């Protein structure tokens, strides 16, 4: 948070609770991650974040366990039972309902 003199300071717990509306912080972060996914999906195809999201690497992977891609980490949609999220993402109002539902979903 920025003070009146332009310096930055750390927010206090009651300020964070007021900002998040007393939501559980993990659910709040996951809902914001889904909101960011929608934001990237609405971007033009030439924008870098969208190109990275849609990028399919080619060639050989290194030995060992595969590293998780960011999109694979969005397993919350499966937990919530959201099907065809790419189509749902095209409608901003529907996607906003999905992100709001993520804040209160008990399985996240």
PDB file of N, CA and C in Angstrom:
ATOM      1  N   UNK A   1       0.846  -1.167   0.000  1.00  0.00           N
ATOM      2  CA  UNK A   1       0.000   0.000   0.000  1.00  0.00           C
ATOM      3  C   UNK A   1       0.890   1.228   0.000  1.00  0.00           C
ATOM      4  N   UNK A   2       0.475   2.260  -0.707  1.00  0.00           N
ATOM      5  CA  UNK A   2       1.290   3.455  -0.843  1.00  0.00           C
ATOM      6  C   UNK A   2       0.787   4.553   0.097  1.00  0.00           C
ATOM      7  N   UNK A   3       1.730   5.155   0.816  1.00  0.00           N
ATOM      8  CA  UNK A   3       1.395   6.266   1.719  1.00  0.00           C
ATOM      9  C   UNK A   3       1.212   7.548   0.927  1.00  0.00           C
ATOM     10  N   UNK A   4       0.786   8.605   1.632  1.00  0.00           N
ATOM     11  CA  UNK A   4       0.581   9.893   0.960  1.00  0.00           C
ATOM     12  C   UNK A   4       1.880  10.480   0.422  1.00  0.00           C
ATOM     13  N   UNK A   5       3.016  10.176   1.084  1.00  0.00           N
ATOM     14  CA  UNK A   5       4.300  10.720   0.630  1.00  0.00           C
ATOM     15  C   UNK A   5       4.925   9.913  -0.505  1.00  0.00           C
ATOM     16  N   UNK A   6       4.240   8.846  -0.950  1.00  0.00           N
ATOM     17  CA  UNK A   6       4.730   8.060  -2.078  1.00  0.00           C
ATOM     18  C   UNK A   6       5.516   6.833  -1.674  1.00  0.00           C
ATOM     19  N   UNK A   7       5.778   6.649  -0.374  1.00  0.00           N
ATOM     20  CA  UNK A   7       6.513   5.468   0.078  1.00  0.00           C
ATOM     21  C   UNK A   7       5.550   4.287   0.221  1.00  0.00           C
ATOM     22  N   UNK A   8       6.108   3.088   0.169  1.00  0.00           N
ATOM     23  CA  UNK A   8       5.298   1.869   0.249  1.00  0.00           C
ATOM     24  C   UNK A   8       5.400   1.283   1.640  1.00  0.00           C
ATOM     25  N   UNK A   9       4.316   0.650   2.093  1.00  0.00           N
ATOM     26  CA  UNK A   9       4.327  -0.021   3.389  1.00  0.00           C
ATOM     27  C   UNK A   9       3.557  -1.330   3.277  1.00  0.00           C
ATOM     28  N   UNK A  10       3.783  -2.202   4.236  1.00  0.00           N
ATOM     29  CA  UNK A  10       3.114  -3.495   4.275  1.00  0.00           C
ATOM     30  C   UNK A  10       1.723  -3.306   4.861  1.00  0.00           C
ATOM     31  N   UNK A  11       0.750  -3.977   4.274  1.00  0.00           N
ATOM     32  CA  UNK A  11      -0.623  -3.885   4.788  1.00  0.00           C
ATOM     33  C   UNK A  11      -0.765  -4.685   6.076  1.00  0.00           C
ATOM     34  N   UNK A  12      -1.627  -4.219   6.947  1.00  0.00           N
ATOM     35  CA  UNK A  12      -1.895  -4.869   8.226  1.00  0.00           C
ATOM     36  C   UNK A  12      -3.030  -5.868   8.014  1.00  0.00           C
ATOM     37  N   UNK A  13      -3.122  -6.871   8.897  1.00  0.00           N
ATOM     38  CA  UNK A  13      -4.102  -7.952   8.733  1.00  0.00           C
ATOM     39  C   UNK A  13      -5.525  -7.452   8.579  1.00  0.00           C
ATOM     40  N   UNK A  14      -5.941  -6.494   9.377  1.00  0.00           N
ATOM     41  CA  UNK A  14      -7.328  -6.035   9.261  1.00  0.00           C
ATOM     42  C   UNK A  14      -7.572  -5.354   7.924  1.00  0.00           C
ATOM     43  N   UNK A  15      -6.539  -4.743   7.339  1.00  0.00           N
ATOM     44  CA  UNK A  15      -6.683  -4.152   6.007  1.00  0.00           C
ATOM     45  C   UNK A  15      -6.842  -5.244   4.951  1.00  0.00           C
ATOM     46  N   UNK A  16      -6.097  -6.334   5.099  1.00  0.00           N
ATOM     47  CA  UNK A  16      -6.223  -7.459   4.166  1.00  0.00           C
ATOM     48  C   UNK A  16      -7.596  -8.120   4.285  1.00  0.00           C
ATOM     49  N   UNK A  17      -8.082  -8.277   5.520  1.00  0.00           N
ATOM     50  CA  UNK A  17      -9.415  -8.858   5.712  1.00  0.00           C
ATOM     51  C   UNK A  17     -10.488  -7.982   5.083  1.00  0.00           C
ATOM     52  N   UNK A  18     -10.331  -6.681   5.218  1.00  0.00           N
ATOM     53  CA  UNK A  18     -11.295  -5.756   4.628  1.00  0.00           C
ATOM     54  C   UNK A  18     -11.234  -5.838   3.100  1.00  0.00           C
ATOM     55  N   UNK A  19     -10.023  -5.951   2.560  1.00  0.00           N
ATOM     56  CA  UNK A  19      -9.827  -6.015   1.111  1.00  0.00           C
ATOM     57  C   UNK A  19     -10.416  -7.297   0.519  1.00  0.00           C
ATOM     58  N   UNK A  20     -10.218  -8.419   1.197  1.00  0.00           N
ATOM     59  CA  UNK A  20     -10.705  -9.700   0.676  1.00  0.00           C
ATOM     60  C   UNK A  20     -12.117 -10.011   1.121  1.00  0.00           C
ATOM     61  N   UNK A  21     -12.696  -9.182   1.958  1.00  0.00           N
ATOM     62  CA  UNK A  21     -14.057  -9.430   2.436  1.00  0.00           C
ATOM     63  C   UNK A  21     -14.125 -10.625   3.369  1.00  0.00           C
ATOM     64  N   UNK A  22     -13.086 -10.808   4.177  1.00  0.00           N
ATOM     65  CA  UNK A  22     -12.981 -11.914   5.135  1.00  0.00           C
ATOM     66  C   UNK A  22     -13.069 -13.286   4.471  1.00  0.00           C
ATOM     67  N   UNK A  23     -12.756 -13.371   3.187  1.00  0.00           N
ATOM     68  CA  UNK A  23     -12.755 -14.668   2.494  1.00  0.00           C
ATOM     69  C   UNK A  23     -11.512 -15.444   2.912  1.00  0.00           C
ATOM     70  N   UNK A  24     -11.608 -16.745   2.816  1.00  0.00           N
ATOM     71  CA  UNK A  24     -10.437 -17.558   3.095  1.00  0.00           C
ATOM     72  C   UNK A  24      -9.402 -17.237   2.020  1.00  0.00           C
ATOM     73  N   UNK A  25      -8.183 -16.978   2.435  1.00  0.00           N
ATOM     74  CA  UNK A  25      -7.169 -16.433   1.527  1.00  0.00           C
ATOM     75  C   UNK A  25      -6.837 -17.396   0.388  1.00  0.00           C
ATOM     76  N   UNK A  26      -6.826 -18.702   0.657  1.00  0.00           N
ATOM     77  CA  UNK A  26      -6.495 -19.671  -0.404  1.00  0.00           C
ATOM     78  C   UNK A  26      -7.566 -19.652  -1.485  1.00  0.00           C
ATOM     79  N   UNK A  27      -8.819 -19.641  -1.075  1.00  0.00           N
ATOM     80  CA  UNK A  27      -9.910 -19.578  -2.058  1.00  0.00           C
ATOM     81  C   UNK A  27      -9.872 -18.271  -2.828  1.00  0.00           C
ATOM     82  N   UNK A  28      -9.549 -17.193  -2.145  1.00  0.00           N
ATOM     83  CA  UNK A  28      -9.471 -15.893  -2.805  1.00  0.00           C
ATOM     84  C   UNK A  28      -8.384 -15.901  -3.878  1.00  0.00           C
ATOM     85  N   UNK A  29      -7.229 -16.461  -3.548  1.00  0.00           N
ATOM     86  CA  UNK A  29      -6.119 -16.512  -4.519  1.00  0.00           C
ATOM     87  C   UNK A  29      -6.495 -17.396  -5.704  1.00  0.00           C
ATOM     88  N   UNK A  30      -7.131 -18.527  -5.443  1.00  0.00           N
ATOM     89  CA  UNK A  30      -7.530 -19.409  -6.540  1.00  0.00           C
ATOM     90  C   UNK A  30      -8.569 -18.762  -7.436  1.00  0.00           C
ATOM     91  N   UNK A  31      -9.469 -17.992  -6.852  1.00  0.00           N
ATOM     92  CA  UNK A  31     -10.462 -17.303  -7.685  1.00  0.00           C
ATOM     93  C   UNK A  31      -9.793 -16.222  -8.526  1.00  0.00           C
ATOM     94  N   UNK A  32      -8.784 -15.547  -7.979  1.00  0.00           N
ATOM     95  CA  UNK A  32      -8.058 -14.542  -8.754  1.00  0.00           C
ATOM     96  C   UNK A  32      -7.245 -15.195  -9.871  1.00  0.00           C
ATOM     97  N   UNK A  33      -6.748 -16.413  -9.633  1.00  0.00           N
ATOM     98  CA  UNK A  33      -6.022 -17.149 -10.677  1.00  0.00           C
ATOM     99  C   UNK A  33      -6.956 -17.476 -11.834  1.00  0.00           C
ATOM    100  N   UNK A  34      -8.192 -17.862 -11.514  1.00  0.00           N
ATOM    101  CA  UNK A  34      -9.180 -18.133 -12.562  1.00  0.00           C
ATOM    102  C   UNK A  34      -9.551 -16.846 -13.297  1.00  0.00           C
ATOM    103  N   UNK A  35      -9.642 -15.743 -12.560  1.00  0.00           N
ATOM    104  CA  UNK A  35      -9.940 -14.461 -13.207  1.00  0.00           C
ATOM    105  C   UNK A  35      -8.814 -14.085 -14.171  1.00  0.00           C
ATOM    106  N   UNK A  36      -7.569 -14.341 -13.781  1.00  0.00           N
ATOM    107  CA  UNK A  36      -6.426 -14.048 -14.653  1.00  0.00           C
ATOM    108  C   UNK A  36      -6.468 -14.934 -15.894  1.00  0.00           C
ATOM    109  N   UNK A  37      -6.868 -16.191 -15.734  1.00  0.00           N
ATOM    110  CA  UNK A  37      -7.003 -17.079 -16.889  1.00  0.00           C
ATOM    111  C   UNK A  37      -8.000 -16.503 -17.882  1.00  0.00           C
ATOM    112  N   UNK A  38      -9.128 -16.027 -17.389  1.00  0.00           N
ATOM    113  CA  UNK A  38     -10.114 -15.409 -18.267  1.00  0.00           C
ATOM    114  C   UNK A  38      -9.559 -14.178 -18.956  1.00  0.00           C
ATOM    115  N   UNK A  39      -8.807 -13.381 -18.218  1.00  0.00           N
ATOM    116  CA  UNK A  39      -8.215 -12.168 -18.780  1.00  0.00           C
ATOM    117  C   UNK A  39      -7.265 -12.513 -19.927  1.00  0.00           C
ATOM    118  N   UNK A  40      -6.450 -13.527 -19.729  1.00  0.00           N
ATOM    119  CA  UNK A  40      -5.491 -13.925 -20.773  1.00  0.00           C
ATOM    120  C   UNK A  40      -6.228 -14.496 -21.980  1.00  0.00           C
ATOM    121  N   UNK A  41      -7.296 -15.243 -21.737  1.00  0.00           N
ATOM    122  CA  UNK A  41      -8.039 -15.829 -22.852  1.00  0.00           C
ATOM    123  C   UNK A  41      -8.726 -14.767 -23.707  1.00  0.00           C
ATOM    124  N   UNK A  42      -9.048 -13.617 -23.124  1.00  0.00           N
ATOM    125  CA  UNK A  42      -9.683 -12.542 -23.890  1.00  0.00           C
ATOM    126  C   UNK A  42      -8.676 -11.726 -24.690  1.00  0.00           C
ATOM    127  N   UNK A  43      -7.391 -11.924 -24.429  1.00  0.00           N
ATOM    128  CA  UNK A  43      -6.361 -11.150 -25.126  1.00  0.00           C
ATOM    129  C   UNK A  43      -6.297 -11.532 -26.606  1.00  0.00           C
ATOM    130  N   UNK A  44      -5.700 -10.636 -27.375  1.00  0.00           N
ATOM    131  CA  UNK A  44      -5.452 -10.885 -28.790  1.00  0.00           C
ATOM    132  C   UNK A  44      -4.429 -12.018 -28.917  1.00  0.00           C
ATOM    133  N   UNK A  45      -4.514 -12.811 -29.979  1.00  0.00           N
ATOM    134  CA  UNK A  45      -3.626 -13.964 -30.143  1.00  0.00           C
ATOM    135  C   UNK A  45      -2.159 -13.582 -30.298  1.00  0.00           C
ATOM    136  N   UNK A  46      -1.875 -12.341 -30.619  1.00  0.00           N
ATOM    137  CA  UNK A  46      -0.490 -11.909 -30.808  1.00  0.00           C
ATOM    138  C   UNK A  46       0.176 -11.469 -29.505  1.00  0.00           C
ATOM    139  N   UNK A  47      -0.598 -11.321 -28.444  1.00  0.00           N
ATOM    140  CA  UNK A  47      -0.033 -10.893 -27.157  1.00  0.00           C
ATOM    141  C   UNK A  47       0.786 -12.016 -26.538  1.00  0.00           C
ATOM    142  N   UNK A  48       1.884 -11.670 -25.900  1.00  0.00           N
ATOM    143  CA  UNK A  48       2.815 -12.648 -25.352  1.00  0.00           C
ATOM    144  C   UNK A  48       2.190 -13.577 -24.311  1.00  0.00           C
ATOM    145  N   UNK A  49       1.425 -13.084 -23.321  1.00  0.00           N
ATOM    146  CA  UNK A  49       0.859 -14.028 -22.349  1.00  0.00           C
ATOM    147  C   UNK A  49      -0.049 -15.078 -22.989  1.00  0.00           C
ATOM    148  N   UNK A  50      -0.815 -14.682 -23.980  1.00  0.00           N
ATOM    149  CA  UNK A  50      -1.711 -15.639 -24.644  1.00  0.00           C
ATOM    150  C   UNK A  50      -0.908 -16.644 -25.454  1.00  0.00           C
ATOM    151  N   UNK A  51       0.141 -16.183 -26.123  1.00  0.00           N
ATOM    152  CA  UNK A  51       0.981 -17.094 -26.901  1.00  0.00           C
ATOM    153  C   UNK A  51       1.677 -18.104 -25.992  1.00  0.00           C
ATOM    154  N   UNK A  52       2.109 -17.663 -24.816  1.00  0.00           N
ATOM    155  CA  UNK A  52       2.763 -18.577 -23.878  1.00  0.00           C
ATOM    156  C   UNK A  52       1.752 -19.582 -23.328  1.00  0.00           C
ATOM    157  N   UNK A  53       0.542 -19.133 -23.050  1.00  0.00           N
ATOM    158  CA  UNK A  53      -0.492 -20.026 -22.525  1.00  0.00           C
ATOM    159  C   UNK A  53      -0.842 -21.115 -23.539  1.00  0.00           C
ATOM    160  N   UNK A  54      -0.879 -20.772 -24.806  1.00  0.00           N
ATOM    161  CA  UNK A  54      -1.255 -21.723 -25.846  1.00  0.00           C
ATOM    162  C   UNK A  54      -0.066 -22.487 -26.425  1.00  0.00           C
ATOM    163  N   UNK A  55       1.145 -22.176 -25.989  1.00  0.00           N
ATOM    164  CA  UNK A  55       2.360 -22.756 -26.540  1.00  0.00           C
ATOM    165  C   UNK A  55       2.466 -24.239 -26.221  1.00  0.00           C
ATOM    166  N   UNK A  56       2.779 -25.023 -27.215  1.00  0.00           N
ATOM    167  CA  UNK A  56       3.014 -26.451 -27.043  1.00  0.00           C
ATOM    168  C   UNK A  56       4.490 -26.709 -27.351  1.00  0.00           C
ATOM    169  N   UNK A  57       5.293 -27.035 -26.337  1.00  0.00           N
ATOM    170  CA  UNK A  57       6.719 -27.250 -26.581  1.00  0.00           C
ATOM    171  C   UNK A  57       6.954 -28.481 -27.443  1.00  0.00           C
ATOM    172  N   UNK A  58       7.987 -28.429 -28.252  1.00  0.00           N
ATOM    173  CA  UNK A  58       8.335 -29.566 -29.101  1.00  0.00           C
ATOM    174  C   UNK A  58       9.727 -30.039 -28.710  1.00  0.00           C
ATOM    175  N   UNK A  59      10.051 -31.247 -29.095  1.00  0.00           N
ATOM    176  CA  UNK A  59      11.372 -31.779 -28.805  1.00  0.00           C
ATOM    177  C   UNK A  59      11.360 -32.684 -27.590  1.00  0.00           C
ATOM    178  N   UNK A  60      12.545 -33.017 -27.137  1.00  0.00           N
ATOM    179  CA  UNK A  60      12.716 -33.937 -26.015  1.00  0.00           C
ATOM    180  C   UNK A  60      12.658 -33.187 -24.688  1.00  0.00           C
ATOM    181  N   UNK A  61      12.045 -33.813 -23.723  1.00  0.00           N
ATOM    182  CA  UNK A  61      12.050 -33.261 -22.365  1.00  0.00           C
ATOM    183  C   UNK A  61      13.267 -33.806 -21.620  1.00  0.00           C
ATOM    184  N   UNK A  62      13.611 -33.134 -20.557  1.00  0.00           N
ATOM    185  CA  UNK A  62      14.728 -33.608 -19.752  1.00  0.00           C
ATOM    186  C   UNK A  62      14.295 -34.819 -18.938  1.00  0.00           C
ATOM    187  N   UNK A  63      15.273 -35.522 -18.393  1.00  0.00           N
ATOM    188  CA  UNK A  63      14.981 -36.697 -17.576  1.00  0.00           C
ATOM    189  C   UNK A  63      14.304 -36.301 -16.279  1.00  0.00           C
ATOM    190  N   UNK A  64      13.568 -37.236 -15.714  1.00  0.00           N
ATOM    191  CA  UNK A  64      12.940 -36.994 -14.424  1.00  0.00           C
ATOM    192  C   UNK A  64      11.475 -36.630 -14.562  1.00  0.00           C
ATOM    193  N   UNK A  65      10.933 -36.194 -13.441  1.00  0.00           N
ATOM    194  CA  UNK A  65       9.515 -35.838 -13.424  1.00  0.00           C
ATOM    195  C   UNK A  65       9.271 -34.595 -14.273  1.00  0.00           C
ATOM    196  N   UNK A  66       8.179 -34.610 -15.008  1.00  0.00           N
ATOM    197  CA  UNK A  66       7.857 -33.474 -15.859  1.00  0.00           C
ATOM    198  C   UNK A  66       7.455 -32.285 -15.006  1.00  0.00           C
ATOM    199  N   UNK A  67       7.839 -31.117 -15.439  1.00  0.00           N
ATOM    200  CA  UNK A  67       7.446 -29.913 -14.740  1.00  0.00           C
ATOM    201  C   UNK A  67       6.015 -29.572 -15.114  1.00  0.00           C
ATOM    202  N   UNK A  68       5.284 -29.085 -14.127  1.00  0.00           N
ATOM    203  CA  UNK A  68       3.891 -28.730 -14.369  1.00  0.00           C
ATOM    204  C   UNK A  68       3.807 -27.438 -15.158  1.00  0.00           C
ATOM    205  N   UNK A  69       2.958 -27.424 -16.124  1.00  0.00           N
ATOM    206  CA  UNK A  69       2.658 -26.199 -16.847  1.00  0.00           C
ATOM    207  C   UNK A  69       1.640 -25.410 -16.041  1.00  0.00           C
ATOM    208  N   UNK A  70       1.559 -24.105 -16.272  1.00  0.00           N
ATOM    209  CA  UNK A  70       0.653 -23.263 -15.497  1.00  0.00           C
ATOM    210  C   UNK A  70      -0.789 -23.701 -15.693  1.00  0.00           C
ATOM    211  N   UNK A  71      -1.147 -24.047 -16.903  1.00  0.00           N
ATOM    212  CA  UNK A  71      -2.518 -24.444 -17.196  1.00  0.00           C
ATOM    213  C   UNK A  71      -2.877 -25.766 -16.521  1.00  0.00           C
ATOM    214  N   UNK A  72      -1.912 -26.656 -16.358  1.00  0.00           N
ATOM    215  CA  UNK A  72      -2.163 -27.918 -15.669  1.00  0.00           C
ATOM    216  C   UNK A  72      -2.431 -27.671 -14.184  1.00  0.00           C
ATOM    217  N   UNK A  73      -1.944 -26.568 -13.669  1.00  0.00           N
ATOM    218  CA  UNK A  73      -2.173 -26.225 -12.273  1.00  0.00           C
ATOM    219  C   UNK A  73      -3.564 -25.692 -12.010  1.00  0.00           C
ATOM    220  N   UNK A  74      -4.321 -25.454 -13.057  1.00  0.00           N
ATOM    221  CA  UNK A  74      -5.690 -24.961 -12.911  1.00  0.00           C
ATOM    222  C   UNK A  74      -6.623 -26.165 -12.821  1.00  0.00           C
ATOM    223  N   UNK A  75      -6.366 -27.021 -11.869  1.00  0.00           N
ATOM    224  CA  UNK A  75      -7.221 -28.191 -11.677  1.00  0.00           C
ATOM    225  C   UNK A  75      -8.465 -27.830 -10.883  1.00  0.00           C
ATOM    226  N   UNK A  76      -8.528 -26.596 -10.408  1.00  0.00           N
ATOM    227  CA  UNK A  76      -9.689 -26.144  -9.648  1.00  0.00           C
ATOM    228  C   UNK A  76     -10.962 -26.205 -10.486  1.00  0.00           C
ATOM    229  N   UNK A  77     -10.837 -26.009 -11.784  1.00  0.00           N
ATOM    230  CA  UNK A  77     -12.005 -26.076 -12.656  1.00  0.00           C
ATOM    231  C   UNK A  77     -12.606 -27.477 -12.658  1.00  0.00           C
ATOM    232  N   UNK A  78     -11.753 -28.501 -12.617  1.00  0.00           N
ATOM    233  CA  UNK A  78     -12.245 -29.876 -12.562  1.00  0.00           C
ATOM    234  C   UNK A  78     -12.904 -30.153 -11.215  1.00  0.00           C
ATOM    235  N   UNK A  79     -12.321 -29.637 -10.146  1.00  0.00           N
ATOM    236  CA  UNK A  79     -12.883 -29.830  -8.815  1.00  0.00           C
ATOM    237  C   UNK A  79     -14.262 -29.184  -8.723  1.00  0.00           C
ATOM    238  N   UNK A  80     -14.393 -28.013  -9.335  1.00  0.00           N
ATOM    239  CA  UNK A  80     -15.668 -27.299  -9.310  1.00  0.00           C
ATOM    240  C   UNK A  80     -16.685 -27.896 -10.270  1.00  0.00           C
ATOM    241  N   UNK A  81     -16.242 -28.786 -11.166  1.00  0.00           N
ATOM    242  CA  UNK A  81     -17.155 -29.411 -12.122  1.00  0.00           C
ATOM    243  C   UNK A  81     -17.456 -28.535 -13.324  1.00  0.00           C
ATOM    244  N   UNK A  82     -16.559 -27.618 -13.645  1.00  0.00           N
ATOM    245  CA  UNK A  82     -16.757 -26.735 -14.800  1.00  0.00           C
ATOM    246  C   UNK A  82     -16.313 -27.482 -16.050  1.00  0.00           C
ATOM    247  N   UNK A  83     -17.203 -27.625 -16.993  1.00  0.00           N
ATOM    248  CA  UNK A  83     -16.894 -28.285 -18.262  1.00  0.00           C
ATOM    249  C   UNK A  83     -16.889 -27.238 -19.368  1.00  0.00           C
ATOM    250  N   UNK A  84     -16.068 -27.482 -20.360  1.00  0.00           N
ATOM    251  CA  UNK A  84     -15.922 -26.587 -21.514  1.00  0.00           C
ATOM    252  C   UNK A  84     -15.627 -25.155 -21.056  1.00  0.00           C
ATOM    253  N   UNK A  85     -14.569 -25.005 -20.255  1.00  0.00           N
ATOM    254  CA  UNK A  85     -14.252 -23.705 -19.701  1.00  0.00           C
ATOM    255  C   UNK A  85     -13.797 -22.722 -20.771  1.00  0.00           C
ATOM    256  N   UNK A  86     -13.249 -23.200 -21.866  1.00  0.00           N
ATOM    257  CA  UNK A  86     -12.829 -22.277 -22.926  1.00  0.00           C
ATOM    258  C   UNK A  86     -14.027 -21.570 -23.549  1.00  0.00           C
ATOM    259  N   UNK A  87     -15.116 -22.292 -23.768  1.00  0.00           N
ATOM    260  CA  UNK A  87     -16.328 -21.666 -24.300  1.00  0.00           C
ATOM    261  C   UNK A  87     -16.954 -20.742 -23.263  1.00  0.00           C
ATOM    262  N   UNK A  88     -16.952 -21.190 -22.019  1.00  0.00           N
ATOM    263  CA  UNK A  88     -17.531 -20.387 -20.949  1.00  0.00           C
ATOM    264  C   UNK A  88     -16.729 -19.106 -20.740  1.00  0.00           C
ATOM    265  N   UNK A  89     -15.457 -19.184 -21.016  1.00  0.00           N
ATOM    266  CA  UNK A  89     -14.563 -18.043 -20.831  1.00  0.00           C
ATOM    267  C   UNK A  89     -14.869 -16.916 -21.832  1.00  0.00           C
ATOM    268  N   UNK A  90     -15.441 -17.261 -22.962  1.00  0.00           N
ATOM    269  CA  UNK A  90     -15.757 -16.253 -23.974  1.00  0.00           C
ATOM    270  C   UNK A  90     -16.837 -15.287 -23.498  1.00  0.00           C
ATOM    271  N   UNK A  91     -17.732 -15.755 -22.644  1.00  0.00           N
ATOM    272  CA  UNK A  91     -18.783 -14.908 -22.077  1.00  0.00           C
ATOM    273  C   UNK A  91     -18.287 -14.356 -20.745  1.00  0.00           C
ATOM    274  N   UNK A  92     -17.995 -13.081 -20.713  1.00  0.00           N
ATOM    275  CA  UNK A  92     -17.410 -12.485 -19.511  1.00  0.00           C
ATOM    276  C   UNK A  92     -18.315 -12.608 -18.291  1.00  0.00           C
ATOM    277  N   UNK A  93     -19.608 -12.430 -18.473  1.00  0.00           N
ATOM    278  CA  UNK A  93     -20.535 -12.508 -17.340  1.00  0.00           C
ATOM    279  C   UNK A  93     -20.554 -13.922 -16.763  1.00  0.00           C
ATOM    280  N   UNK A  94     -20.549 -14.929 -17.623  1.00  0.00           N
ATOM    281  CA  UNK A  94     -20.521 -16.313 -17.157  1.00  0.00           C
ATOM    282  C   UNK A  94     -19.215 -16.616 -16.431  1.00  0.00           C
ATOM    283  N   UNK A  95     -18.111 -16.110 -16.967  1.00  0.00           N
ATOM    284  CA  UNK A  95     -16.814 -16.375 -16.349  1.00  0.00           C
ATOM    285  C   UNK A  95     -16.714 -15.685 -14.986  1.00  0.00           C
ATOM    286  N   UNK A  96     -17.308 -14.505 -14.878  1.00  0.00           N
ATOM    287  CA  UNK A  96     -17.310 -13.807 -13.596  1.00  0.00           C
ATOM    288  C   UNK A  96     -18.091 -14.607 -12.560  1.00  0.00           C
ATOM    289  N   UNK A  97     -19.207 -15.223 -12.962  1.00  0.00           N
ATOM    290  CA  UNK A  97     -19.964 -16.073 -12.049  1.00  0.00           C
ATOM    291  C   UNK A  97     -19.118 -17.260 -11.587  1.00  0.00           C
ATOM    292  N   UNK A  98     -18.327 -17.818 -12.511  1.00  0.00           N
ATOM    293  CA  UNK A  98     -17.473 -18.952 -12.170  1.00  0.00           C
ATOM    294  C   UNK A  98     -16.414 -18.549 -11.161  1.00  0.00           C
ATOM    295  N   UNK A  99     -15.800 -17.386 -11.350  1.00  0.00           N
ATOM    296  CA  UNK A  99     -14.774 -16.938 -10.409  1.00  0.00           C
ATOM    297  C   UNK A  99     -15.380 -16.607  -9.053  1.00  0.00           C
ATOM    298  N   UNK A 100     -16.589 -16.071  -9.026  1.00  0.00           N
ATOM    299  CA  UNK A 100     -17.263 -15.795  -7.753  1.00  0.00           C
ATOM    300  C   UNK A 100     -17.635 -17.103  -7.050  1.00  0.00           C
ATOM    301  N   UNK A 101     -18.007 -18.111  -7.842  1.00  0.00           N
ATOM    302  CA  UNK A 101     -18.342 -19.420  -7.277  1.00  0.00           C
ATOM    303  C   UNK A 101     -17.105 -20.058  -6.645  1.00  0.00           C
ATOM    304  N   UNK A 102     -15.929 -19.787  -7.210  1.00  0.00           N
ATOM    305  CA  UNK A 102     -14.691 -20.359  -6.688  1.00  0.00           C
ATOM    306  C   UNK A 102     -14.378 -19.823  -5.288  1.00  0.00           C
ATOM    307  N   UNK A 103     -14.819 -18.609  -4.986  1.00  0.00           N
ATOM    308  CA  UNK A 103     -14.557 -18.028  -3.663  1.00  0.00           C
ATOM    309  C   UNK A 103     -15.301 -18.778  -2.565  1.00  0.00           C
ATOM    310  N   UNK A 104     -16.430 -19.367  -2.894  1.00  0.00           N
ATOM    311  CA  UNK A 104     -17.251 -20.020  -1.874  1.00  0.00           C
ATOM    312  C   UNK A 104     -17.277 -21.533  -1.997  1.00  0.00           C
ATOM    313  N   UNK A 105     -16.599 -22.095  -2.992  1.00  0.00           N
ATOM    314  CA  UNK A 105     -16.633 -23.550  -3.208  1.00  0.00           C
ATOM    315  C   UNK A 105     -15.864 -24.248  -2.074  1.00  0.00           C
ATOM    316  N   UNK A 106     -16.484 -25.233  -1.484  1.00  0.00           N
ATOM    317  CA  UNK A 106     -15.878 -25.889  -0.315  1.00  0.00           C
ATOM    318  C   UNK A 106     -14.738 -26.830  -0.667  1.00  0.00           C
ATOM    319  N   UNK A 107     -14.649 -27.286  -1.893  1.00  0.00           N
ATOM    320  CA  UNK A 107     -13.615 -28.250  -2.278  1.00  0.00           C
ATOM    321  C   UNK A 107     -12.264 -27.642  -2.608  1.00  0.00           C
ATOM    322  N   UNK A 108     -12.170 -26.336  -2.687  1.00  0.00           N
ATOM    323  CA  UNK A 108     -10.909 -25.713  -3.083  1.00  0.00           C
ATOM    324  C   UNK A 108     -10.023 -25.502  -1.910  1.00  0.00           C
TER     325      UNK A 108
END
